[in-house]
N, C-alpha and C. Protein backbone atom coordinates (compact mmCIF):
# COMPACT_ATOMS: atom_id res chain seq x y z
N MET A 1 -12.79 35.59 -10.53
CA MET A 1 -12.53 34.37 -9.79
C MET A 1 -11.78 34.71 -8.50
N GLU A 2 -12.26 34.17 -7.39
CA GLU A 2 -11.68 34.47 -6.09
C GLU A 2 -10.51 33.54 -5.79
N LYS A 3 -9.41 34.11 -5.31
CA LYS A 3 -8.24 33.30 -4.94
C LYS A 3 -8.43 32.75 -3.53
N LYS A 4 -8.00 31.51 -3.33
CA LYS A 4 -8.04 30.92 -2.00
C LYS A 4 -6.88 31.48 -1.19
N ASP A 5 -7.11 31.70 0.11
CA ASP A 5 -6.02 32.10 0.99
C ASP A 5 -5.31 30.82 1.43
N LEU A 6 -4.20 30.53 0.79
CA LEU A 6 -3.51 29.27 1.02
C LEU A 6 -2.96 29.14 2.44
N SER A 7 -2.68 30.27 3.10
CA SER A 7 -2.13 30.21 4.45
C SER A 7 -3.15 29.76 5.48
N LYS A 8 -4.43 29.81 5.15
CA LYS A 8 -5.48 29.45 6.11
C LYS A 8 -5.99 28.03 5.91
N ARG A 9 -5.45 27.32 4.94
CA ARG A 9 -5.88 25.93 4.72
C ARG A 9 -5.35 25.05 5.84
N LYS A 10 -6.17 24.11 6.26
CA LYS A 10 -5.77 23.15 7.29
C LYS A 10 -5.73 21.76 6.66
N PRO A 11 -4.59 21.07 6.75
CA PRO A 11 -4.51 19.73 6.17
C PRO A 11 -5.34 18.73 6.98
N ASP A 12 -5.80 17.72 6.31
CA ASP A 12 -6.51 16.62 6.95
C ASP A 12 -5.51 15.92 7.89
N PRO A 13 -5.87 15.76 9.17
CA PRO A 13 -4.93 15.12 10.11
C PRO A 13 -4.52 13.71 9.68
N GLN A 14 -5.42 12.98 9.04
CA GLN A 14 -5.08 11.63 8.57
C GLN A 14 -4.03 11.68 7.46
N LYS A 15 -4.19 12.63 6.54
CA LYS A 15 -3.21 12.76 5.46
C LYS A 15 -1.85 13.17 6.02
N MET A 16 -1.85 14.05 7.02
CA MET A 16 -0.60 14.48 7.65
C MET A 16 0.08 13.30 8.34
N LYS A 17 -0.70 12.46 8.99
CA LYS A 17 -0.16 11.27 9.66
C LYS A 17 0.48 10.33 8.64
N VAL A 18 -0.21 10.13 7.52
CA VAL A 18 0.32 9.26 6.47
C VAL A 18 1.61 9.84 5.90
N LEU A 19 1.61 11.14 5.64
CA LEU A 19 2.81 11.79 5.09
C LEU A 19 3.99 11.61 6.03
N ARG A 20 3.77 11.79 7.31
CA ARG A 20 4.85 11.63 8.29
C ARG A 20 5.35 10.20 8.39
N SER A 21 4.50 9.24 8.07
CA SER A 21 4.89 7.83 8.20
C SER A 21 5.65 7.29 6.98
N LEU A 22 5.71 8.07 5.91
CA LEU A 22 6.44 7.62 4.72
C LEU A 22 7.94 7.53 5.01
N PRO A 23 8.63 6.64 4.33
CA PRO A 23 10.09 6.55 4.50
C PRO A 23 10.77 7.88 4.15
N LEU A 24 11.86 8.16 4.83
CA LEU A 24 12.57 9.42 4.67
C LEU A 24 12.95 9.68 3.21
N GLU A 25 13.43 8.65 2.51
CA GLU A 25 13.86 8.86 1.12
C GLU A 25 12.69 9.26 0.22
N ILE A 26 11.49 8.78 0.53
CA ILE A 26 10.31 9.18 -0.25
C ILE A 26 9.95 10.62 0.08
N LYS A 27 9.92 10.96 1.36
CA LYS A 27 9.59 12.34 1.76
C LYS A 27 10.57 13.33 1.15
N GLN A 28 11.84 12.99 1.13
CA GLN A 28 12.85 13.90 0.58
C GLN A 28 12.72 14.07 -0.93
N SER A 29 12.11 13.10 -1.59
CA SER A 29 11.97 13.18 -3.05
C SER A 29 10.76 14.01 -3.48
N LEU A 30 9.86 14.31 -2.54
CA LEU A 30 8.65 15.06 -2.89
C LEU A 30 8.93 16.55 -3.02
N THR A 31 8.36 17.15 -4.05
CA THR A 31 8.47 18.60 -4.22
C THR A 31 7.43 19.28 -3.34
N LYS A 32 7.57 20.58 -3.15
CA LYS A 32 6.58 21.35 -2.39
C LYS A 32 5.20 21.21 -3.02
N GLU A 33 5.14 21.26 -4.34
CA GLU A 33 3.87 21.14 -5.05
C GLU A 33 3.23 19.76 -4.82
N GLU A 34 4.06 18.72 -4.80
CA GLU A 34 3.54 17.37 -4.57
C GLU A 34 3.01 17.22 -3.14
N VAL A 35 3.72 17.78 -2.17
CA VAL A 35 3.26 17.72 -0.78
C VAL A 35 1.94 18.47 -0.65
N ASP A 36 1.84 19.66 -1.26
CA ASP A 36 0.59 20.42 -1.22
C ASP A 36 -0.54 19.63 -1.86
N ALA A 37 -0.27 18.99 -2.98
CA ALA A 37 -1.31 18.19 -3.65
C ALA A 37 -1.73 17.03 -2.76
N PHE A 38 -0.77 16.37 -2.13
CA PHE A 38 -1.07 15.25 -1.24
C PHE A 38 -1.98 15.68 -0.10
N LEU A 39 -1.68 16.83 0.50
CA LEU A 39 -2.42 17.27 1.68
C LEU A 39 -3.76 17.93 1.36
N TYR A 40 -3.87 18.59 0.21
CA TYR A 40 -5.03 19.44 -0.03
C TYR A 40 -5.87 19.10 -1.26
N GLU A 41 -5.35 18.34 -2.19
CA GLU A 41 -6.06 18.12 -3.45
C GLU A 41 -6.66 16.72 -3.53
N GLU A 42 -7.72 16.61 -4.31
CA GLU A 42 -8.34 15.31 -4.56
C GLU A 42 -7.62 14.57 -5.69
N VAL A 43 -7.15 15.33 -6.68
CA VAL A 43 -6.44 14.74 -7.83
C VAL A 43 -4.95 15.07 -7.69
N TRP A 44 -4.13 14.04 -7.77
CA TRP A 44 -2.69 14.20 -7.63
C TRP A 44 -2.02 14.26 -8.99
N PRO A 45 -0.88 14.98 -9.07
CA PRO A 45 -0.09 14.95 -10.31
C PRO A 45 0.49 13.55 -10.53
N ASP A 46 0.73 13.23 -11.78
CA ASP A 46 1.27 11.91 -12.13
C ASP A 46 2.59 11.63 -11.40
N SER A 47 3.42 12.66 -11.23
CA SER A 47 4.71 12.47 -10.57
C SER A 47 4.53 12.01 -9.12
N LEU A 48 3.51 12.52 -8.44
CA LEU A 48 3.24 12.12 -7.06
C LEU A 48 2.71 10.69 -7.01
N GLU A 49 1.81 10.38 -7.91
CA GLU A 49 1.28 9.01 -7.97
C GLU A 49 2.40 8.00 -8.22
N GLU A 50 3.33 8.36 -9.10
CA GLU A 50 4.45 7.47 -9.42
C GLU A 50 5.33 7.24 -8.18
N LYS A 51 5.63 8.31 -7.45
CA LYS A 51 6.49 8.19 -6.27
C LYS A 51 5.82 7.39 -5.15
N LEU A 52 4.50 7.44 -5.07
CA LEU A 52 3.78 6.78 -3.98
C LEU A 52 3.12 5.47 -4.39
N LYS A 53 3.37 5.00 -5.61
CA LYS A 53 2.66 3.83 -6.13
C LYS A 53 2.81 2.60 -5.24
N ASP A 54 3.94 2.44 -4.57
CA ASP A 54 4.15 1.27 -3.71
C ASP A 54 3.45 1.40 -2.36
N TYR A 55 2.88 2.57 -2.09
CA TYR A 55 2.24 2.84 -0.80
C TYR A 55 0.74 3.09 -0.93
N ILE A 56 0.21 3.01 -2.14
CA ILE A 56 -1.20 3.29 -2.39
C ILE A 56 -1.95 1.98 -2.54
N ALA A 57 -3.04 1.85 -1.80
CA ALA A 57 -3.90 0.66 -1.92
C ALA A 57 -4.89 0.89 -3.05
N GLU A 58 -5.01 -0.08 -3.93
CA GLU A 58 -5.98 0.00 -5.02
C GLU A 58 -7.38 -0.20 -4.46
N GLU A 59 -8.33 0.55 -5.01
CA GLU A 59 -9.72 0.40 -4.56
C GLU A 59 -10.41 -0.70 -5.31
């Protein structure tokens, strides 16, 4: 199995914009793993979903 070169990943500009617009207290509560999941993953950990539940629009 081939490992991804994590240093060469580019975040989606829209996701980066949303991350920057979050309130400071929310941003400070996010772990490095949660930020990485937000920017790069399709499926988020439960802890990230819980922290962002008030900012997520239901489909």
